[in-house]
Amino acid sequence: MEDLLEREEMVLPSTTYHVHNGRILGRIDGIDAIAQAVDKILRTELFAYVIYGPNYGIELERLIGEEMDFVKADLERTISEALLADDRIESISDFEMFQSKKNTLMCEFKVQTLEGSYTQTWEVNPDDTTN
C-alpha cells in the first residue's frame, strides 16, 4: 500500500518536430522545443480552434481596436497567462515593450523553463491579430 502513495512525478521529454517556414526539418528537444511551443502558443488565438484544449493559445481578439495604452497595460498579463498554461514554463519576467509603429508593439520578455531560460521577442498589432 505504501508504494501507491510514494509515486514520483516524471517529466516527459519534449521531443517534437522542428518546424521552420512551414516545413518539418527533423526533430528538436529541450529548450528549442519549448521555444517553438511558445511561438506556436503566441500565434494561436485562444478558443478559436476546437483541436486545441481550452488552455492553449492567447486571447488577442479582445484587443482589436483598443487604445494602445490599454493594450500595453494588459499585454503582460495576457502573455503570461497564455504561456504559463504549459507546465514546462516556470515563469515569464523582465517585460519590455515599445511602440515600433503607429499600431504595433514590440515585446521582449524572459521565459524561464525547466530546460533553462531565453529571451523571446514578439510583435503585436492590436488591429491585426493574425500574426
N, C-alpha and C. Protein backbone atom coordinates (compact mmCIF):
# COMPACT_ATOMS: atom_id res chain seq x y z
N MET A 1 0.82 -1.20 0.00
CA MET A 1 0.00 0.00 0.00
C MET A 1 0.86 1.26 0.00
N GLU A 2 1.97 1.21 0.70
CA GLU A 2 2.85 2.36 0.80
C GLU A 2 3.43 2.74 -0.57
N ASP A 3 3.67 1.75 -1.43
CA ASP A 3 4.20 2.02 -2.76
C ASP A 3 3.26 2.89 -3.58
N LEU A 4 1.97 2.74 -3.38
CA LEU A 4 1.00 3.54 -4.11
C LEU A 4 1.05 5.00 -3.72
N LEU A 5 1.42 5.29 -2.50
CA LEU A 5 1.46 6.67 -2.01
C LEU A 5 2.77 7.37 -2.35
N GLU A 6 3.80 6.62 -2.66
CA GLU A 6 5.12 7.20 -2.90
C GLU A 6 5.46 7.20 -4.39
N ARG A 7 4.64 7.81 -5.17
CA ARG A 7 4.90 7.89 -6.61
C ARG A 7 5.72 9.12 -6.93
N GLU A 8 6.61 8.95 -7.83
CA GLU A 8 7.43 10.08 -8.26
C GLU A 8 6.80 10.72 -9.48
N GLU A 9 6.93 12.03 -9.55
CA GLU A 9 6.45 12.74 -10.73
C GLU A 9 7.51 12.61 -11.81
N MET A 10 7.10 12.21 -12.99
CA MET A 10 8.03 12.01 -14.08
C MET A 10 7.82 13.10 -15.13
N VAL A 11 8.90 13.75 -15.53
CA VAL A 11 8.83 14.76 -16.57
C VAL A 11 9.09 14.07 -17.90
N LEU A 12 8.12 14.18 -18.79
CA LEU A 12 8.25 13.55 -20.10
C LEU A 12 9.13 14.39 -21.02
N PRO A 13 9.85 13.77 -21.94
CA PRO A 13 10.67 14.55 -22.87
C PRO A 13 9.78 15.40 -23.77
N SER A 14 10.32 16.51 -24.24
CA SER A 14 9.52 17.40 -25.07
C SER A 14 9.93 17.30 -26.54
N THR A 15 10.43 16.15 -26.95
CA THR A 15 10.83 15.95 -28.33
C THR A 15 9.63 16.16 -29.25
N THR A 16 9.86 16.92 -30.31
CA THR A 16 8.79 17.21 -31.27
C THR A 16 9.40 17.47 -32.63
N TYR A 17 8.56 17.67 -33.61
CA TYR A 17 9.06 18.01 -34.94
C TYR A 17 9.58 19.44 -34.95
N HIS A 18 10.67 19.66 -35.65
CA HIS A 18 11.21 21.01 -35.83
C HIS A 18 10.57 21.60 -37.08
N VAL A 19 9.74 22.62 -36.88
CA VAL A 19 9.03 23.25 -38.00
C VAL A 19 9.68 24.60 -38.26
N HIS A 20 10.04 24.83 -39.52
CA HIS A 20 10.64 26.10 -39.92
C HIS A 20 10.03 26.50 -41.26
N ASN A 21 9.43 27.68 -41.30
CA ASN A 21 8.78 28.18 -42.52
C ASN A 21 7.78 27.17 -43.08
N GLY A 22 7.04 26.52 -42.19
CA GLY A 22 6.01 25.57 -42.61
C GLY A 22 6.52 24.21 -43.05
N ARG A 23 7.80 23.97 -42.89
CA ARG A 23 8.39 22.68 -43.28
C ARG A 23 8.95 21.96 -42.07
N ILE A 24 8.82 20.65 -42.06
CA ILE A 24 9.40 19.84 -40.99
C ILE A 24 10.83 19.53 -41.36
N LEU A 25 11.75 19.93 -40.47
CA LEU A 25 13.18 19.78 -40.73
C LEU A 25 13.85 18.85 -39.73
N GLY A 26 13.17 17.83 -39.29
CA GLY A 26 13.74 16.91 -38.33
C GLY A 26 13.03 17.02 -37.00
N ARG A 27 13.79 16.76 -35.92
CA ARG A 27 13.22 16.78 -34.58
C ARG A 27 14.05 17.68 -33.67
N ILE A 28 13.40 18.23 -32.65
CA ILE A 28 14.10 19.04 -31.65
C ILE A 28 13.61 18.63 -30.26
N ASP A 29 14.39 19.00 -29.27
CA ASP A 29 14.05 18.69 -27.89
C ASP A 29 14.57 19.81 -27.00
N GLY A 30 14.26 19.74 -25.74
CA GLY A 30 14.79 20.69 -24.77
C GLY A 30 14.25 22.09 -24.96
N ILE A 31 15.11 23.06 -24.70
CA ILE A 31 14.69 24.45 -24.73
C ILE A 31 14.25 24.88 -26.13
N ASP A 32 14.84 24.28 -27.18
CA ASP A 32 14.41 24.62 -28.54
C ASP A 32 12.97 24.19 -28.81
N ALA A 33 12.59 23.04 -28.29
CA ALA A 33 11.22 22.56 -28.45
C ALA A 33 10.25 23.46 -27.68
N ILE A 34 10.66 23.89 -26.49
CA ILE A 34 9.81 24.77 -25.69
C ILE A 34 9.67 26.13 -26.37
N ALA A 35 10.77 26.66 -26.91
CA ALA A 35 10.71 27.95 -27.61
C ALA A 35 9.79 27.86 -28.83
N GLN A 36 9.81 26.74 -29.52
CA GLN A 36 8.91 26.55 -30.65
C GLN A 36 7.46 26.50 -30.17
N ALA A 37 7.22 25.86 -29.02
CA ALA A 37 5.87 25.80 -28.45
C ALA A 37 5.39 27.19 -28.04
N VAL A 38 6.28 27.99 -27.47
CA VAL A 38 5.93 29.37 -27.10
C VAL A 38 5.50 30.15 -28.34
N ASP A 39 6.28 30.03 -29.40
CA ASP A 39 5.94 30.73 -30.65
C ASP A 39 4.57 30.29 -31.15
N LYS A 40 4.30 29.01 -31.10
CA LYS A 40 3.01 28.48 -31.56
C LYS A 40 1.86 28.96 -30.69
N ILE A 41 2.05 28.98 -29.38
CA ILE A 41 1.01 29.49 -28.48
C ILE A 41 0.70 30.94 -28.79
N LEU A 42 1.74 31.74 -29.02
CA LEU A 42 1.55 33.17 -29.29
C LEU A 42 0.91 33.42 -30.66
N ARG A 43 0.89 32.44 -31.53
CA ARG A 43 0.27 32.56 -32.85
C ARG A 43 -1.13 31.96 -32.92
N THR A 44 -1.58 31.36 -31.81
CA THR A 44 -2.86 30.65 -31.80
C THR A 44 -3.86 31.39 -30.92
N GLU A 45 -4.95 31.82 -31.49
CA GLU A 45 -5.98 32.51 -30.72
C GLU A 45 -6.69 31.51 -29.80
N LEU A 46 -6.82 31.88 -28.54
CA LEU A 46 -7.49 31.05 -27.54
C LEU A 46 -8.94 30.81 -27.95
N PHE A 47 -9.41 29.59 -27.85
CA PHE A 47 -10.78 29.16 -28.15
C PHE A 47 -11.14 29.20 -29.63
N ALA A 48 -10.20 29.48 -30.52
CA ALA A 48 -10.53 29.62 -31.95
C ALA A 48 -10.55 28.29 -32.69
N TYR A 49 -9.85 27.29 -32.19
CA TYR A 49 -9.72 26.02 -32.89
C TYR A 49 -10.12 24.88 -31.95
N VAL A 50 -11.08 24.09 -32.35
CA VAL A 50 -11.57 23.02 -31.48
C VAL A 50 -10.53 21.92 -31.25
N ILE A 51 -9.51 21.84 -32.08
CA ILE A 51 -8.48 20.82 -31.91
C ILE A 51 -7.64 21.07 -30.65
N TYR A 52 -7.56 22.34 -30.22
CA TYR A 52 -6.79 22.68 -29.03
C TYR A 52 -7.68 22.72 -27.80
N GLY A 53 -7.13 22.39 -26.66
CA GLY A 53 -7.87 22.45 -25.41
C GLY A 53 -8.17 23.88 -25.01
N PRO A 54 -8.94 24.06 -23.95
CA PRO A 54 -9.37 25.39 -23.53
C PRO A 54 -8.26 26.25 -22.92
N ASN A 55 -7.09 25.68 -22.71
CA ASN A 55 -5.97 26.44 -22.13
C ASN A 55 -4.84 26.68 -23.12
N TYR A 56 -5.08 26.41 -24.41
CA TYR A 56 -4.00 26.54 -25.39
C TYR A 56 -4.25 27.76 -26.27
N GLY A 57 -3.30 28.67 -26.28
CA GLY A 57 -3.39 29.85 -27.12
C GLY A 57 -3.42 31.12 -26.28
N ILE A 58 -3.55 32.23 -26.98
CA ILE A 58 -3.53 33.55 -26.34
C ILE A 58 -4.78 34.31 -26.75
N GLU A 59 -5.31 35.07 -25.85
CA GLU A 59 -6.55 35.81 -26.10
C GLU A 59 -6.22 37.22 -26.59
N LEU A 60 -6.13 37.36 -27.92
CA LEU A 60 -5.78 38.66 -28.51
C LEU A 60 -6.93 39.35 -29.21
N GLU A 61 -7.91 38.59 -29.67
CA GLU A 61 -9.01 39.22 -30.43
C GLU A 61 -9.70 40.31 -29.63
N ARG A 62 -9.73 40.17 -28.32
CA ARG A 62 -10.39 41.19 -27.50
C ARG A 62 -9.63 42.52 -27.50
N LEU A 63 -8.39 42.51 -27.99
CA LEU A 63 -7.59 43.74 -28.04
C LEU A 63 -7.78 44.53 -29.33
N ILE A 64 -8.45 43.93 -30.31
CA ILE A 64 -8.64 44.61 -31.60
C ILE A 64 -9.40 45.91 -31.38
N GLY A 65 -8.84 46.98 -31.88
CA GLY A 65 -9.48 48.29 -31.81
C GLY A 65 -9.32 49.01 -30.49
N GLU A 66 -8.68 48.40 -29.52
CA GLU A 66 -8.49 49.05 -28.22
C GLU A 66 -7.38 50.10 -28.32
N GLU A 67 -7.42 51.04 -27.41
CA GLU A 67 -6.38 52.06 -27.32
C GLU A 67 -5.05 51.40 -26.96
N MET A 68 -3.97 51.94 -27.51
CA MET A 68 -2.65 51.37 -27.29
C MET A 68 -2.28 51.34 -25.80
N ASP A 69 -2.71 52.33 -25.03
CA ASP A 69 -2.40 52.34 -23.60
C ASP A 69 -3.04 51.14 -22.89
N PHE A 70 -4.26 50.78 -23.27
CA PHE A 70 -4.92 49.62 -22.69
C PHE A 70 -4.17 48.35 -23.07
N VAL A 71 -3.78 48.25 -24.34
CA VAL A 71 -3.06 47.06 -24.82
C VAL A 71 -1.76 46.90 -24.06
N LYS A 72 -1.01 47.98 -23.91
CA LYS A 72 0.25 47.93 -23.17
C LYS A 72 0.03 47.47 -21.72
N ALA A 73 -1.02 47.99 -21.10
CA ALA A 73 -1.29 47.68 -19.70
C ALA A 73 -1.70 46.22 -19.50
N ASP A 74 -2.36 45.63 -20.48
CA ASP A 74 -2.91 44.29 -20.31
C ASP A 74 -2.06 43.19 -20.95
N LEU A 75 -1.13 43.54 -21.79
CA LEU A 75 -0.40 42.54 -22.56
C LEU A 75 0.48 41.63 -21.71
N GLU A 76 1.12 42.16 -20.70
CA GLU A 76 1.98 41.33 -19.85
C GLU A 76 1.16 40.22 -19.20
N ARG A 77 0.00 40.54 -18.66
CA ARG A 77 -0.88 39.54 -18.05
C ARG A 77 -1.35 38.54 -19.09
N THR A 78 -1.74 39.01 -20.26
CA THR A 78 -2.26 38.14 -21.31
C THR A 78 -1.21 37.14 -21.78
N ILE A 79 0.01 37.61 -21.99
CA ILE A 79 1.11 36.74 -22.42
C ILE A 79 1.44 35.72 -21.33
N SER A 80 1.58 36.19 -20.12
CA SER A 80 1.93 35.30 -19.01
C SER A 80 0.88 34.21 -18.82
N GLU A 81 -0.37 34.60 -18.84
CA GLU A 81 -1.47 33.63 -18.67
C GLU A 81 -1.44 32.56 -19.76
N ALA A 82 -1.19 32.97 -20.98
CA ALA A 82 -1.16 32.02 -22.10
C ALA A 82 0.01 31.05 -21.98
N LEU A 83 1.18 31.55 -21.65
CA LEU A 83 2.38 30.71 -21.65
C LEU A 83 2.50 29.84 -20.40
N LEU A 84 2.02 30.32 -19.28
CA LEU A 84 2.14 29.54 -18.05
C LEU A 84 1.20 28.33 -18.03
N ALA A 85 0.32 28.22 -19.00
CA ALA A 85 -0.53 27.03 -19.11
C ALA A 85 0.31 25.81 -19.52
N ASP A 86 1.48 26.05 -20.11
CA ASP A 86 2.41 24.97 -20.47
C ASP A 86 3.24 24.64 -19.24
N ASP A 87 3.15 23.41 -18.75
CA ASP A 87 3.82 23.06 -17.50
C ASP A 87 5.34 23.02 -17.60
N ARG A 88 5.90 23.17 -18.77
CA ARG A 88 7.36 23.23 -18.92
C ARG A 88 7.88 24.65 -18.67
N ILE A 89 6.97 25.62 -18.63
CA ILE A 89 7.34 27.02 -18.43
C ILE A 89 7.12 27.38 -16.97
N GLU A 90 8.18 27.84 -16.32
CA GLU A 90 8.12 28.15 -14.89
C GLU A 90 7.72 29.59 -14.62
N SER A 91 8.22 30.54 -15.44
CA SER A 91 7.88 31.94 -15.22
C SER A 91 8.14 32.76 -16.47
N ILE A 92 7.49 33.91 -16.51
CA ILE A 92 7.68 34.91 -17.56
C ILE A 92 8.03 36.20 -16.83
N SER A 93 9.12 36.86 -17.23
CA SER A 93 9.56 38.05 -16.50
C SER A 93 10.27 39.03 -17.43
N ASP A 94 10.71 40.13 -16.82
CA ASP A 94 11.53 41.15 -17.49
C ASP A 94 10.89 41.67 -18.77
N PHE A 95 9.62 42.01 -18.69
CA PHE A 95 8.91 42.54 -19.86
C PHE A 95 9.42 43.92 -20.23
N GLU A 96 9.63 44.10 -21.51
CA GLU A 96 9.92 45.41 -22.07
C GLU A 96 9.06 45.56 -23.30
N MET A 97 8.40 46.70 -23.44
CA MET A 97 7.55 46.97 -24.59
C MET A 97 7.84 48.35 -25.12
N PHE A 98 7.84 48.45 -26.43
CA PHE A 98 7.92 49.77 -27.04
C PHE A 98 7.11 49.75 -28.33
N GLN A 99 6.61 50.91 -28.66
CA GLN A 99 5.79 51.06 -29.86
C GLN A 99 6.72 51.24 -31.05
N SER A 100 6.73 50.26 -31.96
CA SER A 100 7.64 50.30 -33.10
C SER A 100 7.01 50.99 -34.30
N LYS A 101 5.69 50.94 -34.40
CA LYS A 101 4.94 51.61 -35.46
C LYS A 101 3.70 52.19 -34.80
N LYS A 102 2.88 52.88 -35.57
CA LYS A 102 1.69 53.53 -35.01
C LYS A 102 0.83 52.55 -34.22
N ASN A 103 0.58 51.38 -34.75
CA ASN A 103 -0.30 50.41 -34.11
C ASN A 103 0.41 49.09 -33.80
N THR A 104 1.70 49.13 -33.55
CA THR A 104 2.45 47.91 -33.33
C THR A 104 3.34 48.04 -32.09
N LEU A 105 3.27 47.02 -31.24
CA LEU A 105 4.13 46.95 -30.07
C LEU A 105 5.16 45.84 -30.26
N MET A 106 6.36 46.12 -29.87
CA MET A 106 7.40 45.09 -29.79
C MET A 106 7.51 44.71 -28.32
N CYS A 107 7.41 43.43 -28.06
CA CYS A 107 7.52 42.92 -26.68
C CYS A 107 8.75 42.05 -26.59
N GLU A 108 9.43 42.18 -25.50
CA GLU A 108 10.55 41.31 -25.22
C GLU A 108 10.41 40.86 -23.77
N PHE A 109 10.59 39.57 -23.53
CA PHE A 109 10.44 39.05 -22.18
C PHE A 109 11.27 37.79 -22.02
N LYS A 110 11.57 37.49 -20.76
CA LYS A 110 12.36 36.31 -20.44
C LYS A 110 11.43 35.15 -20.14
N VAL A 111 11.72 34.01 -20.72
CA VAL A 111 10.95 32.78 -20.49
C VAL A 111 11.84 31.82 -19.71
N GLN A 112 11.45 31.53 -18.48
CA GLN A 112 12.17 30.58 -17.65
C GLN A 112 11.48 29.23 -17.77
N THR A 113 12.22 28.22 -18.24
CA THR A 113 11.65 26.90 -18.47
C THR A 113 12.36 25.86 -17.62
N LEU A 114 11.86 24.65 -17.67
CA LEU A 114 12.53 23.55 -16.97
C LEU A 114 13.90 23.26 -17.56
N GLU A 115 14.12 23.69 -18.79
CA GLU A 115 15.38 23.43 -19.50
C GLU A 115 16.35 24.61 -19.46
N GLY A 116 15.95 25.73 -18.88
CA GLY A 116 16.77 26.93 -18.87
C GLY A 116 15.93 28.14 -19.25
N SER A 117 16.58 29.25 -19.56
CA SER A 117 15.83 30.45 -19.91
C SER A 117 16.32 31.02 -21.22
N TYR A 118 15.45 31.81 -21.84
CA TYR A 118 15.81 32.51 -23.07
C TYR A 118 14.94 33.75 -23.18
N THR A 119 15.31 34.65 -24.07
CA THR A 119 14.56 35.88 -24.30
C THR A 119 13.74 35.73 -25.56
N GLN A 120 12.45 36.03 -25.45
CA GLN A 120 11.51 35.95 -26.57
C GLN A 120 11.18 37.37 -27.03
N THR A 121 11.21 37.61 -28.32
CA THR A 121 10.77 38.87 -28.89
C THR A 121 9.52 38.59 -29.71
N TRP A 122 8.53 39.47 -29.58
CA TRP A 122 7.25 39.24 -30.23
C TRP A 122 6.62 40.56 -30.62
N GLU A 123 6.06 40.62 -31.80
CA GLU A 123 5.42 41.83 -32.31
C GLU A 123 3.91 41.68 -32.24
N VAL A 124 3.23 42.70 -31.70
CA VAL A 124 1.78 42.66 -31.55
C VAL A 124 1.16 43.88 -32.22
N ASN A 125 0.19 43.64 -33.08
CA ASN A 125 -0.59 44.72 -33.67
C ASN A 125 -2.05 44.47 -33.30
N PRO A 126 -2.62 45.28 -32.37
CA PRO A 126 -3.97 45.03 -31.91
C PRO A 126 -5.03 45.20 -32.99
N ASP A 127 -4.68 45.75 -34.14
CA ASP A 127 -5.62 45.87 -35.24
C ASP A 127 -5.54 44.70 -36.18
N ASP A 128 -4.51 43.84 -35.99
CA ASP A 128 -4.34 42.67 -36.84
C ASP A 128 -3.72 41.57 -36.00
N THR A 129 -4.54 40.70 -35.44
CA THR A 129 -4.03 39.66 -34.54
C THR A 129 -3.80 38.36 -35.28
N THR A 130 -3.66 38.38 -36.60
CA THR A 130 -3.43 37.15 -37.33
C THR A 130 -1.98 36.70 -37.25
N ASN A 131 -1.06 37.54 -36.76
CA ASN A 131 0.37 37.22 -36.60
C ASN A 131 0.89 36.42 -37.76
